[in-house]
Every structure is written in structure tokens, then in C-alpha cells.
Amino acid sequence: MENYPNPPNHQPTNNTHIPIIDCSSDNNSDECTLQCGESNTSTSALTGAAGEQTPCLIDEDVILNGSILESSAIAIVGAINVTGDVKIIGKITVKLEASAELHVGRCLLLDDESTIVVVVRGDEMITNGSVVLSYDGLCSSPHLIDQVSIESSLVDECRDGKPTLREQLGSGGRTHLELVFLSADSDECNSGMSNSELNVVAIAVAVPVGVLLIVLAVILLVPSVRKKVLPGTLWRGFKR
């Protein structure tokens, strides 16, 4: 039987080629998903990252090309190890969903328009200092951390800290991006008020002040009202 080369972004499984990028409507989302088959699941992580997730192994290069894919957003769920390179081309966003990890064995290469987003949810159990992204820093895009951002929701920064990415350099040029929570040292937290509570207070103060200014404007600008409210001698003193 003739062996055909493996097409890009496919994995050989049981004498067939399984796509590792799913853009089907079954996702109930506008995003595509980077995935791998059960037969390629491995219990050994390339980076030795701590965690109880069983990482999924993609034993080849991965190319995410925004001009070819059906969506400009690629979601990663769970822990994925890629033994080769990962190339993110064009205007495309790779989103690491809550508690997801991407470990690249070789080079992680991003175009200038490409971005990576790390999703942090306050209702998810997250270990401070957990590795969300790793790659060979010697051959990857320079200043890659500048193209990685955090999308947080339901996070109480006063209680849990502000989610931030920290770059760590390991042996052999390995680079890790860790998710850490920095203590919030702000007047808002010290006062014990959340952003929403502060907004309510600001509105409560602003409304009476605004009403007072309107009343003063009416008194000063309408002569009939001014004569009733301000006696003549008081009005002359006020003008001085």
C-alpha cells in the first residue's frame, strides 16, 4: 500500500489523516478549535509543566494561517504539546481558554498582526505561577510576550490579585510564560469598595451637585425669581 505524505495540519490515525483544526458548526461558536485525536494523547509533557491535565500530543508542525482558515480566532482547550514549530500567520488570534496550556517543542513564530490571548476566569481553579505557554526562545519571535494579552472575567482583583504574565527563562533556551496574580495595592481596595460601588457613590454625589448648579443658574439669570429669593441689598453685595 502506497504511503501518502501527511497533509498540513492533519495527523495520521489508523491509516487516515485527521484534521487538527475544527471549524465545523458543531462547535456552536465562531471560533475554530485546535485539537488532536485520542490516539495521540500522551501522559508525558515536553516541558514537565505541573498540572493534573493529560496533555494532548501533536507530533508535527502546526501552521495557523488567518487567510486560509474559516475564522480569525482559534481556541485551545486543555493542554496541548506540539513537538515541532507553531507558526501563526496573518491577522489571527489564538485564544488559550481558561486553564488551557500550549507547549511548543521548537519555535513559536507570530506575524506582527497575530496575537495570543490568555483567558482567566475567576470561577476556575487556577494555580498561581502555572505555565500557560512555553517554547524555544532561541528561535521564536523576539519580544513575543508583547503579543500576548490577558482577557479576564469574574476576577476579584482585590481578593485574588491582578492576573499578569511573567516571562521565565529556563535551561537550553526554553521560555515559559507563567500566569501570576499580583497583589492589588490601590485606594479602591483599601477603601473596601469595588469599582461598581465607587461608581454608585460618584453618581450619588454628582446628581445633587448638578441639581444645585441648575437652581443657582435659574436664580441668577431670571430677574423675577432672583428678586424673590435674593433681597436687593443681598443681591448688590453678591454682585460685588
C-alpha atoms as a PDB file:
ATOM      1  CA  MET A   1       0.000   0.000   0.000  1.00  0.00           C
ATOM      2  CA  GLU A   2       1.407   3.392  -1.025  1.00  0.00           C
ATOM      3  CA  ASN A   3       2.147   5.870   1.777  1.00  0.00           C
ATOM      4  CA  TYR A   4       0.945   9.389   1.008  1.00  0.00           C
ATOM      5  CA  PRO A   5       2.543  12.390   2.729  1.00  0.00           C
ATOM      6  CA  ASN A   6       0.695  13.837   5.672  1.00  0.00           C
ATOM      7  CA  PRO A   7      -1.213  16.996   4.588  1.00  0.00           C
ATOM      8  CA  PRO A   8      -0.642  20.175   6.645  1.00  0.00           C
ATOM      9  CA  ASN A   9      -2.486  20.393   9.966  1.00  0.00           C
ATOM     10  CA  HIS A  10      -3.512  16.705   9.840  1.00  0.00           C
ATOM     11  CA  GLN A  11      -2.464  13.771  11.980  1.00  0.00           C
ATOM     12  CA  PRO A  12      -2.095  10.188  10.765  1.00  0.00           C
ATOM     13  CA  THR A  13      -4.506   7.992  12.737  1.00  0.00           C
ATOM     14  CA  ASN A  14      -5.439   4.417  11.799  1.00  0.00           C
ATOM     15  CA  ASN A  15      -4.297   4.740   8.173  1.00  0.00           C
ATOM     16  CA  THR A  16      -6.154   8.019   7.706  1.00  0.00           C
ATOM     17  CA  HIS A  17      -5.462  11.714   8.225  1.00  0.00           C
ATOM     18  CA  ILE A  18      -7.413  13.556  10.927  1.00  0.00           C
ATOM     19  CA  PRO A  19      -7.556  17.383  10.829  1.00  0.00           C
ATOM     20  CA  ILE A  20      -6.269  19.061  13.974  1.00  0.00           C
ATOM     21  CA  ILE A  21      -8.250  22.268  13.360  1.00  0.00           C
ATOM     22  CA  ASP A  22     -12.019  22.022  13.709  1.00  0.00           C
ATOM     23  CA  CYS A  23     -14.087  24.846  12.194  1.00  0.00           C
ATOM     24  CA  SER A  24     -17.338  22.899  11.987  1.00  0.00           C
ATOM     25  CA  SER A  25     -20.643  24.388  13.076  1.00  0.00           C
ATOM     26  CA  ASP A  26     -20.850  21.706  15.799  1.00  0.00           C
ATOM     27  CA  ASN A  27     -18.664  23.964  17.949  1.00  0.00           C
ATOM     28  CA  ASN A  28     -21.585  26.383  18.399  1.00  0.00           C
ATOM     29  CA  SER A  29     -19.008  29.141  18.158  1.00  0.00           C
ATOM     30  CA  ASP A  30     -17.467  31.480  15.609  1.00  0.00           C
ATOM     31  CA  GLU A  31     -14.037  30.182  16.625  1.00  0.00           C
ATOM     32  CA  CYS A  32     -12.113  27.244  15.245  1.00  0.00           C
ATOM     33  CA  THR A  33     -10.567  24.805  17.716  1.00  0.00           C
ATOM     34  CA  LEU A  34      -7.071  23.306  17.776  1.00  0.00           C
ATOM     35  CA  GLN A  35      -7.458  19.669  18.773  1.00  0.00           C
ATOM     36  CA  CYS A  36      -5.869  16.255  18.497  1.00  0.00           C
ATOM     37  CA  GLY A  37      -7.187  12.715  18.457  1.00  0.00           C
ATOM     38  CA  GLU A  38      -7.366  10.364  21.426  1.00  0.00           C
ATOM     39  CA  SER A  39      -4.750   8.112  19.895  1.00  0.00           C
ATOM     40  CA  ASN A  40      -2.223  10.953  20.148  1.00  0.00           C
ATOM     41  CA  THR A  41      -2.795  11.583  23.835  1.00  0.00           C
ATOM     42  CA  SER A  42       0.336  11.343  25.930  1.00  0.00           C
ATOM     43  CA  THR A  43       0.891  11.481  29.667  1.00  0.00           C
ATOM     44  CA  SER A  44       4.404  12.905  29.357  1.00  0.00           C
ATOM     45  CA  ALA A  45       4.669  16.652  28.835  1.00  0.00           C
ATOM     46  CA  LEU A  46       7.515  18.106  26.824  1.00  0.00           C
ATOM     47  CA  THR A  47       8.129  20.814  29.400  1.00  0.00           C
ATOM     48  CA  GLY A  48       7.477  18.922  32.596  1.00  0.00           C
ATOM     49  CA  ALA A  49       4.860  21.554  33.472  1.00  0.00           C
ATOM     50  CA  ALA A  50       2.996  20.935  36.704  1.00  0.00           C
ATOM     51  CA  GLY A  51      -0.686  20.104  36.460  1.00  0.00           C
ATOM     52  CA  GLU A  52      -3.111  17.240  36.514  1.00  0.00           C
ATOM     53  CA  GLN A  53      -4.295  17.647  32.923  1.00  0.00           C
ATOM     54  CA  THR A  54      -3.308  14.910  30.490  1.00  0.00           C
ATOM     55  CA  PRO A  55      -1.618  16.768  27.630  1.00  0.00           C
ATOM     56  CA  CYS A  56      -2.546  16.051  24.037  1.00  0.00           C
ATOM     57  CA  LEU A  57       0.409  15.456  21.676  1.00  0.00           C
ATOM     58  CA  ILE A  58       0.644  16.794  18.116  1.00  0.00           C
ATOM     59  CA  ASP A  59       3.762  15.231  16.627  1.00  0.00           C
ATOM     60  CA  GLU A  60       4.397  17.690  13.780  1.00  0.00           C
ATOM     61  CA  ASP A  61       4.470  21.394  12.893  1.00  0.00           C
ATOM     62  CA  VAL A  62       1.280  23.421  13.241  1.00  0.00           C
ATOM     63  CA  ILE A  63       0.511  26.300  10.849  1.00  0.00           C
ATOM     64  CA  LEU A  64      -2.357  28.650  11.680  1.00  0.00           C
ATOM     65  CA  ASN A  65      -2.916  30.859   8.631  1.00  0.00           C
ATOM     66  CA  GLY A  66      -5.583  33.526   9.016  1.00  0.00           C
ATOM     67  CA  SER A  67      -6.009  33.897   5.252  1.00  0.00           C
ATOM     68  CA  ILE A  68      -6.926  30.205   4.849  1.00  0.00           C
ATOM     69  CA  LEU A  69      -8.887  29.332   7.963  1.00  0.00           C
ATOM     70  CA  GLU A  70     -12.619  29.916   8.183  1.00  0.00           C
ATOM     71  CA  SER A  71     -12.243  32.013  11.330  1.00  0.00           C
ATOM     72  CA  SER A  72      -9.787  34.627  12.569  1.00  0.00           C
ATOM     73  CA  ALA A  73      -9.893  33.106  16.071  1.00  0.00           C
ATOM     74  CA  ILE A  74      -8.501  29.726  17.164  1.00  0.00           C
ATOM     75  CA  ALA A  75      -9.419  28.362  20.587  1.00  0.00           C
ATOM     76  CA  ILE A  76      -7.225  25.958  22.566  1.00  0.00           C
ATOM     77  CA  VAL A  77      -8.897  23.911  25.282  1.00  0.00           C
ATOM     78  CA  GLY A  78      -6.929  21.795  27.739  1.00  0.00           C
ATOM     79  CA  ALA A  79      -3.190  21.100  27.484  1.00  0.00           C
ATOM     80  CA  ILE A  80      -1.583  20.610  24.066  1.00  0.00           C
ATOM     81  CA  ASN A  81       2.029  19.684  23.297  1.00  0.00           C
ATOM     82  CA  VAL A  82       3.393  20.329  19.803  1.00  0.00           C
ATOM     83  CA  THR A  83       6.719  18.632  19.061  1.00  0.00           C
ATOM     84  CA  GLY A  84       7.573  20.889  16.097  1.00  0.00           C
ATOM     85  CA  ASP A  85       7.078  24.554  15.274  1.00  0.00           C
ATOM     86  CA  VAL A  86       3.909  26.589  15.643  1.00  0.00           C
ATOM     87  CA  LYS A  87       3.520  29.337  13.046  1.00  0.00           C
ATOM     88  CA  ILE A  88       0.726  31.903  13.434  1.00  0.00           C
ATOM     89  CA  ILE A  89       0.335  33.800  10.175  1.00  0.00           C
ATOM     90  CA  GLY A  90      -1.762  36.849   9.366  1.00  0.00           C
ATOM     91  CA  LYS A  91      -4.395  38.658  11.393  1.00  0.00           C
ATOM     92  CA  ILE A  92      -5.432  35.854  13.692  1.00  0.00           C
ATOM     93  CA  THR A  93      -5.981  35.436  17.432  1.00  0.00           C
ATOM     94  CA  VAL A  94      -5.094  32.248  19.273  1.00  0.00           C
ATOM     95  CA  LYS A  95      -7.138  32.085  22.465  1.00  0.00           C
ATOM     96  CA  LEU A  96      -5.982  29.919  25.355  1.00  0.00           C
ATOM     97  CA  GLU A  97      -9.247  29.196  27.122  1.00  0.00           C
ATOM     98  CA  ALA A  98      -9.391  29.092  30.926  1.00  0.00           C
ATOM     99  CA  SER A  99      -6.830  26.594  32.324  1.00  0.00           C
ATOM    100  CA  ALA A 100      -5.505  25.801  28.819  1.00  0.00           C
ATOM    101  CA  GLU A 101      -1.804  25.288  28.063  1.00  0.00           C
ATOM    102  CA  LEU A 102       0.253  25.294  24.866  1.00  0.00           C
ATOM    103  CA  HIS A 103       3.753  23.809  24.939  1.00  0.00           C
ATOM    104  CA  VAL A 104       5.762  24.159  21.727  1.00  0.00           C
ATOM    105  CA  GLY A 105       8.777  21.874  21.347  1.00  0.00           C
ATOM    106  CA  ARG A 106      10.620  24.149  18.960  1.00  0.00           C
ATOM    107  CA  CYS A 107       9.844  27.637  17.606  1.00  0.00           C
ATOM    108  CA  LEU A 108       6.746  29.761  18.214  1.00  0.00           C
ATOM    109  CA  LEU A 109       6.532  32.284  15.378  1.00  0.00           C
ATOM    110  CA  LEU A 110       3.976  35.102  15.144  1.00  0.00           C
ATOM    111  CA  ASP A 111       3.359  37.687  12.436  1.00  0.00           C
ATOM    112  CA  ASP A 112       3.093  41.313  13.555  1.00  0.00           C
ATOM    113  CA  GLU A 113      -0.724  41.134  13.263  1.00  0.00           C
ATOM    114  CA  SER A 114      -1.021  37.875  15.187  1.00  0.00           C
ATOM    115  CA  THR A 115      -1.951  37.788  18.866  1.00  0.00           C
ATOM    116  CA  ILE A 116      -2.335  35.274  21.677  1.00  0.00           C
ATOM    117  CA  VAL A 117      -4.964  35.798  24.378  1.00  0.00           C
ATOM    118  CA  VAL A 118      -4.897  34.017  27.747  1.00  0.00           C
ATOM    119  CA  VAL A 119      -8.400  33.724  29.223  1.00  0.00           C
ATOM    120  CA  VAL A 120      -8.671  33.936  33.019  1.00  0.00           C
ATOM    121  CA  ARG A 121     -11.954  33.232  34.799  1.00  0.00           C
ATOM    122  CA  GLY A 122     -12.469  33.852  38.474  1.00  0.00           C
ATOM    123  CA  ASP A 123     -14.694  30.780  38.825  1.00  0.00           C
ATOM    124  CA  GLU A 124     -11.889  28.463  37.608  1.00  0.00           C
ATOM    125  CA  MET A 125      -9.341  26.917  39.957  1.00  0.00           C
ATOM    126  CA  ILE A 126      -6.027  28.483  38.902  1.00  0.00           C
ATOM    127  CA  THR A 127      -2.616  27.849  40.456  1.00  0.00           C
ATOM    128  CA  ASN A 128      -0.530  30.959  40.927  1.00  0.00           C
ATOM    129  CA  GLY A 129       2.572  30.616  38.750  1.00  0.00           C
ATOM    130  CA  SER A 130       1.109  27.992  36.408  1.00  0.00           C
ATOM    131  CA  VAL A 131       2.743  27.768  32.969  1.00  0.00           C
ATOM    132  CA  VAL A 132       0.302  28.624  30.167  1.00  0.00           C
ATOM    133  CA  LEU A 133       2.767  28.884  27.270  1.00  0.00           C
ATOM    134  CA  SER A 134       6.256  27.516  26.617  1.00  0.00           C
ATOM    135  CA  TYR A 135       8.567  27.481  23.596  1.00  0.00           C
ATOM    136  CA  ASP A 136      12.207  27.634  22.445  1.00  0.00           C
ATOM    137  CA  GLY A 137      13.116  31.268  22.958  1.00  0.00           C
ATOM    138  CA  LEU A 138      16.268  30.995  20.840  1.00  0.00           C
ATOM    139  CA  CYS A 139      14.343  30.624  17.582  1.00  0.00           C
ATOM    140  CA  SER A 140      10.930  32.114  18.389  1.00  0.00           C
ATOM    141  CA  SER A 141       9.651  35.597  17.566  1.00  0.00           C
ATOM    142  CA  PRO A 142      11.514  38.302  19.515  1.00  0.00           C
ATOM    143  CA  HIS A 143       9.569  40.174  22.223  1.00  0.00           C
ATOM    144  CA  LEU A 144       6.824  37.581  21.887  1.00  0.00           C
ATOM    145  CA  ILE A 145       5.356  38.424  25.280  1.00  0.00           C
ATOM    146  CA  ASP A 146       4.315  41.824  23.860  1.00  0.00           C
ATOM    147  CA  GLN A 147       1.862  40.000  21.587  1.00  0.00           C
ATOM    148  CA  VAL A 148       0.280  38.056  24.441  1.00  0.00           C
ATOM    149  CA  SER A 149      -2.540  39.617  26.468  1.00  0.00           C
ATOM    150  CA  ILE A 150      -4.958  38.579  29.215  1.00  0.00           C
ATOM    151  CA  GLU A 151      -8.749  38.502  28.981  1.00  0.00           C
ATOM    152  CA  SER A 152     -10.202  38.217  32.480  1.00  0.00           C
ATOM    153  CA  SER A 153     -13.738  37.884  33.783  1.00  0.00           C
ATOM    154  CA  LEU A 154     -15.259  37.318  37.226  1.00  0.00           C
ATOM    155  CA  VAL A 155     -11.864  38.015  38.800  1.00  0.00           C
ATOM    156  CA  ASP A 156     -11.860  39.868  42.124  1.00  0.00           C
ATOM    157  CA  GLU A 157      -8.508  41.637  41.869  1.00  0.00           C
ATOM    158  CA  CYS A 158      -8.723  42.980  45.429  1.00  0.00           C
ATOM    159  CA  ARG A 159      -9.087  39.450  46.799  1.00  0.00           C
ATOM    160  CA  ASP A 160      -7.206  37.266  44.310  1.00  0.00           C
ATOM    161  CA  GLY A 161      -4.797  39.771  42.762  1.00  0.00           C
ATOM    162  CA  LYS A 162      -4.402  41.107  39.243  1.00  0.00           C
ATOM    163  CA  PRO A 163      -3.665  38.395  36.620  1.00  0.00           C
ATOM    164  CA  THR A 164      -0.349  39.083  34.893  1.00  0.00           C
ATOM    165  CA  LEU A 165       2.033  37.159  32.642  1.00  0.00           C
ATOM    166  CA  ARG A 166       5.623  36.638  33.774  1.00  0.00           C
ATOM    167  CA  GLU A 167       8.380  35.504  31.412  1.00  0.00           C
ATOM    168  CA  GLN A 168      10.787  32.902  32.788  1.00  0.00           C
ATOM    169  CA  LEU A 169      13.932  31.724  31.012  1.00  0.00           C
ATOM    170  CA  GLY A 170      14.871  28.072  31.536  1.00  0.00           C
ATOM    171  CA  SER A 171      17.771  25.866  30.548  1.00  0.00           C
ATOM    172  CA  GLY A 172      18.579  25.318  26.887  1.00  0.00           C
ATOM    173  CA  GLY A 173      16.777  28.490  25.828  1.00  0.00           C
ATOM    174  CA  ARG A 174      13.340  27.291  26.927  1.00  0.00           C
ATOM    175  CA  THR A 175      10.987  30.162  27.712  1.00  0.00           C
ATOM    176  CA  HIS A 176       7.911  29.885  29.909  1.00  0.00           C
ATOM    177  CA  LEU A 177       5.067  32.344  30.341  1.00  0.00           C
ATOM    178  CA  GLU A 178       3.583  31.967  33.801  1.00  0.00           C
ATOM    179  CA  LEU A 179       0.230  33.263  34.986  1.00  0.00           C
ATOM    180  CA  VAL A 180       0.716  35.065  38.292  1.00  0.00           C
ATOM    181  CA  PHE A 181      -1.596  37.168  40.438  1.00  0.00           C
ATOM    182  CA  LEU A 182      -0.083  40.392  41.749  1.00  0.00           C
ATOM    183  CA  SER A 183      -1.413  41.937  44.934  1.00  0.00           C
ATOM    184  CA  ALA A 184      -3.590  44.942  44.234  1.00  0.00           C
ATOM    185  CA  ASP A 185      -2.398  47.968  46.208  1.00  0.00           C
ATOM    186  CA  SER A 186      -4.877  50.676  45.348  1.00  0.00           C
ATOM    187  CA  ASP A 187      -7.114  53.159  47.131  1.00  0.00           C
ATOM    188  CA  GLU A 188     -10.165  51.313  45.817  1.00  0.00           C
ATOM    189  CA  CYS A 189      -9.168  48.065  47.517  1.00  0.00           C
ATOM    190  CA  ASN A 190      -8.048  49.806  50.710  1.00  0.00           C
ATOM    191  CA  SER A 191     -11.389  51.564  50.979  1.00  0.00           C
ATOM    192  CA  GLY A 192     -13.156  48.235  50.670  1.00  0.00           C
ATOM    193  CA  MET A 193     -15.171  49.404  47.684  1.00  0.00           C
ATOM    194  CA  SER A 194     -15.383  47.689  44.330  1.00  0.00           C
ATOM    195  CA  ASN A 195     -15.481  49.577  41.030  1.00  0.00           C
ATOM    196  CA  SER A 196     -19.257  49.270  40.862  1.00  0.00           C
ATOM    197  CA  GLU A 197     -19.652  50.596  44.398  1.00  0.00           C
ATOM    198  CA  LEU A 198     -17.417  53.563  43.639  1.00  0.00           C
ATOM    199  CA  ASN A 199     -19.456  54.341  40.533  1.00  0.00           C
ATOM    200  CA  VAL A 200     -22.650  54.389  42.602  1.00  0.00           C
ATOM    201  CA  VAL A 201     -21.083  56.802  45.097  1.00  0.00           C
ATOM    202  CA  ALA A 202     -19.855  59.068  42.310  1.00  0.00           C
ATOM    203  CA  ILE A 203     -23.314  59.194  40.757  1.00  0.00           C
ATOM    204  CA  ALA A 204     -24.937  59.854  44.132  1.00  0.00           C
ATOM    205  CA  VAL A 205     -22.645  62.846  44.660  1.00  0.00           C
ATOM    206  CA  ALA A 206     -22.805  64.171  41.117  1.00  0.00           C
ATOM    207  CA  VAL A 207     -26.610  64.286  40.852  1.00  0.00           C
ATOM    208  CA  PRO A 208     -27.257  66.686  43.816  1.00  0.00           C
ATOM    209  CA  VAL A 209     -24.384  68.929  42.717  1.00  0.00           C
ATOM    210  CA  GLY A 210     -25.817  69.131  39.222  1.00  0.00           C
ATOM    211  CA  VAL A 211     -29.273  69.995  40.527  1.00  0.00           C
ATOM    212  CA  LEU A 212     -27.811  72.712  42.777  1.00  0.00           C
ATOM    213  CA  LEU A 213     -25.984  74.329  39.858  1.00  0.00           C
ATOM    214  CA  ILE A 214     -29.174  74.391  37.792  1.00  0.00           C
ATOM    215  CA  VAL A 215     -31.108  76.034  40.646  1.00  0.00           C
ATOM    216  CA  LEU A 216     -28.406  78.686  41.093  1.00  0.00           C
ATOM    217  CA  ALA A 217     -28.391  79.407  37.366  1.00  0.00           C
ATOM    218  CA  VAL A 218     -32.155  79.936  37.366  1.00  0.00           C
ATOM    219  CA  ILE A 219     -31.957  82.255  40.395  1.00  0.00           C
ATOM    220  CA  LEU A 220     -29.195  84.395  38.908  1.00  0.00           C
ATOM    221  CA  LEU A 221     -30.484  84.566  35.347  1.00  0.00           C
ATOM    222  CA  VAL A 222     -34.246  85.017  35.872  1.00  0.00           C
ATOM    223  CA  PRO A 223     -34.919  88.502  37.386  1.00  0.00           C
ATOM    224  CA  SER A 224     -38.377  87.661  38.785  1.00  0.00           C
ATOM    225  CA  VAL A 225     -37.047  84.641  40.653  1.00  0.00           C
ATOM    226  CA  ARG A 226     -33.926  86.487  41.790  1.00  0.00           C
ATOM    227  CA  LYS A 227     -35.958  89.310  43.394  1.00  0.00           C
ATOM    228  CA  LYS A 228     -37.995  86.808  45.409  1.00  0.00           C
ATOM    229  CA  VAL A 229     -35.034  84.746  46.568  1.00  0.00           C
ATOM    230  CA  LEU A 230     -32.345  87.413  46.978  1.00  0.00           C
ATOM    231  CA  PRO A 231     -33.242  90.742  48.657  1.00  0.00           C
ATOM    232  CA  GLY A 232     -31.940  93.845  46.935  1.00  0.00           C
ATOM    233  CA  THR A 233     -29.146  94.528  49.414  1.00  0.00           C
ATOM    234  CA  LEU A 234     -28.012  90.899  49.334  1.00  0.00           C
ATOM    235  CA  TRP A 235     -28.031  90.850  45.528  1.00  0.00           C
ATOM    236  CA  ARG A 236     -25.892  94.060  45.368  1.00  0.00           C
ATOM    237  CA  GLY A 237     -23.433  92.520  47.819  1.00  0.00           C
ATOM    238  CA  PHE A 238     -23.344  89.323  45.777  1.00  0.00           C
ATOM    239  CA  LYS A 239     -22.527  91.280  42.596  1.00  0.00           C
ATOM    240  CA  ARG A 240     -19.582  92.940  44.274  1.00  0.00           C
END
